[in-house]
Amino acid sequence: EFDSKKTENVEGNIKDDFTNIGLRNGVEINSDLEEINVKTENFSSLSTTEQRQVMLQQYIQEFKRYLWSYVPWYLYGRIVERILAGIIDCIEEIKSTWKLGTNMPVFTLKVWAMVKMADIIQLKQLRVLQIDAMPKMIRSNILRNLDKFPQLRNLEFGSGTGDMTVHIQRGAALHHDLCRGMKNMHNL
C-alpha cells in the first residue's frame, strides 16, 4: 500500500544522505556536492578527455548504486521523472551559457556529460519507460541501452510520427540496439 509519509521522507532525504557518503572505487563527493574526486592512478595512458569520461562513468555508477539502494520499488517511476527533469534543467542551463566565443569542445563535453547522466535511470527493475516524454538528446542514449530494462511492462514510444522513426527504421543505427533490447523484455 502507498504510504505518502514514507514517500516524502525518502524523496526529502536522498540528497541529505548522499552528502554524507564516501563512495567506493575512488570516487568521493564532498559534503556540499561541489567537488568530485576520483583516484587517477590508472589514468596515465589516457588523454584528458578520456580521463574525464572514465571519471564520469565511475561517478554515475556509484551514484546510481547509492540512489537506488534508498528508493522503494513503488517510487521508481517518480524518481525517474525527477532525475530526467533535473537533467533537462541542467542541459538548458548549460545551453543558456553559450555565446559566440564559447569554447565548443568544453561546451560539448558538458552537454555530453549531462546527457550521460541519464544512465542513472537504467534500472532493471523499472516497469514503465516513457521515451516519448524525454527530450530528443536523451532518447538515443536510452534506446541504445534498452537491454538494461528487462522487466519493463510498459514502453511508450509515442505516436511514431516524429523524427524518432528515422532512427529506428530497419538498417538505421539504433535499429539493432532496439531489437537487442526488446528481445529480452518478456513482460511487455
Protein backbone atom coordinates (compact mmCIF):
# COMPACT_ATOMS: atom_id res chain seq x y z
CA GLU A 1 0.00 0.00 0.00
CA PHE A 2 1.21 3.51 -0.81
CA ASP A 3 2.48 5.44 2.21
CA SER A 4 2.69 9.17 1.44
CA LYS A 5 4.60 9.94 4.64
CA LYS A 6 7.31 7.44 3.69
CA THR A 7 7.36 8.87 0.16
CA GLU A 8 8.06 12.38 1.43
CA ASN A 9 10.74 11.07 3.76
CA VAL A 10 12.54 9.11 1.02
CA GLU A 11 12.41 11.94 -1.52
CA GLY A 12 13.50 14.53 1.03
CA ASN A 13 16.38 12.54 2.47
CA ILE A 14 18.06 11.25 -0.70
CA LYS A 15 20.18 14.38 -1.11
CA ASP A 16 20.87 14.63 2.65
CA ASP A 17 22.01 11.01 2.80
CA PHE A 18 24.09 11.42 -0.35
CA THR A 19 26.08 14.30 1.13
CA ASN A 20 27.37 12.05 3.91
CA ILE A 21 28.56 9.11 1.84
CA GLY A 22 32.14 8.20 0.96
CA LEU A 23 31.87 6.28 -2.30
CA ARG A 24 33.86 3.23 -3.43
CA ASN A 25 36.12 2.84 -6.47
CA GLY A 26 37.99 6.02 -5.68
CA VAL A 27 35.02 8.33 -6.24
CA GLU A 28 34.35 10.74 -3.39
CA ILE A 29 31.92 13.62 -3.19
CA ASN A 30 32.34 16.38 -0.63
CA SER A 31 29.57 17.35 1.75
CA ASP A 32 28.38 20.24 -0.44
CA LEU A 33 28.17 18.13 -3.63
CA GLU A 34 30.53 20.61 -5.27
CA GLU A 35 33.61 18.52 -5.91
CA ILE A 36 34.14 15.00 -7.21
CA ASN A 37 37.49 13.37 -6.54
CA VAL A 38 38.46 10.26 -8.47
CA LYS A 39 41.69 8.36 -7.95
CA THR A 40 43.76 8.78 -11.09
CA GLU A 41 46.36 6.06 -10.62
CA ASN A 42 45.39 4.17 -13.80
CA PHE A 43 44.81 7.24 -15.97
CA SER A 44 48.37 7.92 -17.12
CA SER A 45 47.82 6.33 -20.54
CA LEU A 46 44.56 8.19 -21.20
CA SER A 47 44.02 11.63 -22.71
CA THR A 48 42.38 14.32 -20.58
CA THR A 49 39.04 13.80 -22.35
CA GLU A 50 39.23 10.03 -21.85
CA GLN A 51 40.10 10.57 -18.17
CA ARG A 52 37.02 12.75 -17.76
CA GLN A 53 34.85 10.15 -19.44
CA VAL A 54 36.14 7.39 -17.15
CA MET A 55 35.67 9.61 -14.09
CA LEU A 56 32.11 10.45 -15.16
CA GLN A 57 31.29 6.78 -15.72
CA GLN A 58 32.62 5.88 -12.26
CA TYR A 59 30.65 8.72 -10.70
CA ILE A 60 27.44 7.67 -12.45
CA GLN A 61 27.81 4.03 -11.39
CA GLU A 62 28.45 4.91 -7.75
CA PHE A 63 25.67 7.49 -7.60
CA LYS A 64 23.26 5.08 -9.28
CA ARG A 65 24.12 2.30 -6.81
CA TYR A 66 23.69 4.63 -3.88
CA LEU A 67 20.47 6.29 -5.08
CA TRP A 68 18.55 3.13 -5.98
CA SER A 69 19.52 1.45 -2.70
CA TYR A 70 17.39 4.06 -0.88
CA VAL A 71 14.35 4.10 -3.15
CA PRO A 72 11.45 1.70 -2.57
CA TRP A 73 10.17 -0.06 -5.69
CA TYR A 74 6.88 1.84 -5.78
CA LEU A 75 8.73 5.17 -6.18
CA TYR A 76 10.95 4.13 -9.10
CA GLY A 77 8.75 5.88 -11.68
CA ARG A 78 8.53 9.14 -9.74
CA ILE A 79 12.28 9.22 -9.11
CA VAL A 80 13.00 8.57 -12.82
CA GLU A 81 10.74 11.51 -13.71
CA ARG A 82 12.57 13.77 -11.27
CA ILE A 83 16.01 12.65 -12.46
CA LEU A 84 15.05 13.37 -16.07
CA ALA A 85 13.60 16.75 -15.11
CA GLY A 86 16.86 17.61 -13.33
CA ILE A 87 18.94 16.56 -16.32
CA ILE A 88 16.76 18.62 -18.65
CA ASP A 89 17.10 21.67 -16.38
CA CYS A 90 20.88 21.27 -16.27
CA ILE A 91 21.15 20.90 -20.04
CA GLU A 92 19.05 24.03 -20.53
CA GLU A 93 21.22 25.91 -18.05
CA ILE A 94 24.38 24.82 -19.86
CA LYS A 95 22.87 25.77 -23.22
CA SER A 96 21.98 29.22 -21.89
CA THR A 97 25.67 29.91 -21.19
CA TRP A 98 26.62 29.51 -24.84
CA LYS A 99 27.97 32.61 -26.52
CA LEU A 100 29.71 33.24 -29.81
CA GLY A 101 33.17 32.88 -28.21
CA THR A 102 32.34 29.74 -26.22
CA ASN A 103 34.96 27.01 -26.25
CA MET A 104 32.98 24.41 -28.22
CA PRO A 105 34.90 21.27 -27.15
CA VAL A 106 34.36 22.15 -23.47
CA PHE A 107 30.73 23.15 -24.08
CA THR A 108 30.05 19.91 -25.97
CA LEU A 109 31.72 17.87 -23.24
CA LYS A 110 29.49 19.49 -20.60
CA VAL A 111 26.32 18.75 -22.58
CA TRP A 112 27.51 15.18 -23.26
CA ALA A 113 28.18 14.69 -19.53
CA MET A 114 24.64 15.77 -18.65
CA VAL A 115 23.12 13.50 -21.31
CA LYS A 116 25.27 10.66 -19.95
CA MET A 117 23.72 11.24 -16.52
CA ALA A 118 20.57 9.63 -17.95
CA ASP A 119 22.39 6.34 -17.35
CA ILE A 120 21.28 6.71 -13.73
CA ILE A 121 17.75 5.67 -14.73
CA GLN A 122 18.99 2.38 -16.20
CA LEU A 123 17.37 0.15 -13.62
CA LYS A 124 16.49 -3.43 -14.46
CA GLN A 125 13.51 -3.35 -12.06
CA LEU A 126 11.92 -0.35 -13.78
CA ARG A 127 8.46 -1.22 -15.12
CA VAL A 128 7.45 1.86 -17.12
CA LEU A 129 9.58 3.87 -19.54
CA GLN A 130 8.11 6.80 -21.44
CA ILE A 131 10.59 7.59 -24.20
CA ASP A 132 8.11 9.95 -25.86
CA ALA A 133 8.28 12.24 -22.80
CA MET A 134 12.07 12.51 -22.95
CA PRO A 135 13.99 15.22 -24.77
CA LYS A 136 15.48 14.17 -28.11
CA MET A 137 19.01 14.45 -26.73
CA ILE A 138 18.32 11.72 -24.18
CA ARG A 139 16.20 9.38 -26.32
CA SER A 140 19.04 7.91 -28.37
CA ASN A 141 21.04 7.21 -25.20
CA ILE A 142 18.07 5.34 -23.71
CA LEU A 143 17.31 3.46 -26.95
CA ARG A 144 20.95 2.36 -27.21
CA ASN A 145 20.65 0.87 -23.72
CA LEU A 146 17.19 -0.72 -23.79
CA ASP A 147 18.75 -4.02 -22.79
CA LYS A 148 19.26 -2.50 -19.32
CA PHE A 149 15.45 -2.52 -18.78
CA PRO A 150 14.48 -6.21 -19.00
CA GLN A 151 11.49 -6.02 -16.62
CA LEU A 152 9.60 -3.26 -18.42
CA ARG A 153 5.87 -3.77 -18.63
CA ASN A 154 5.10 -0.55 -20.46
CA LEU A 155 7.37 1.03 -23.08
CA GLU A 156 5.97 4.24 -24.59
CA PHE A 157 7.46 5.37 -27.90
CA GLY A 158 4.76 7.91 -28.66
CA SER A 159 2.79 8.28 -31.85
CA GLY A 160 5.68 7.34 -34.12
CA THR A 161 5.18 10.40 -36.29
CA GLY A 162 8.21 12.30 -35.01
CA ASP A 163 11.83 12.23 -36.08
CA MET A 164 12.40 9.17 -33.90
CA THR A 165 11.04 6.89 -36.62
CA VAL A 166 14.04 7.76 -38.78
CA HIS A 167 16.39 6.42 -36.12
CA ILE A 168 14.64 3.09 -35.57
CA GLN A 169 13.92 2.08 -39.16
CA ARG A 170 15.43 -1.18 -40.38
CA GLY A 171 19.13 -0.70 -41.02
CA ALA A 172 19.34 2.58 -39.10
CA ALA A 173 21.93 2.97 -36.33
CA LEU A 174 19.54 2.36 -33.43
CA HIS A 175 17.58 -0.47 -35.06
CA HIS A 176 19.93 -3.19 -33.78
CA ASP A 177 20.05 -1.72 -30.27
CA LEU A 178 16.26 -1.52 -30.17
CA CYS A 179 15.85 -5.13 -31.31
CA ARG A 180 18.54 -6.40 -28.92
CA GLY A 181 16.89 -4.58 -26.01
CA MET A 182 13.34 -5.71 -26.75
CA LYS A 183 14.40 -9.32 -27.28
CA ASN A 184 14.73 -9.84 -23.52
CA MET A 185 11.64 -7.89 -22.45
CA HIS A 186 9.22 -10.69 -21.68
CA ASN A 187 6.75 -8.59 -19.66
CA LEU A 188 5.73 -6.00 -22.28
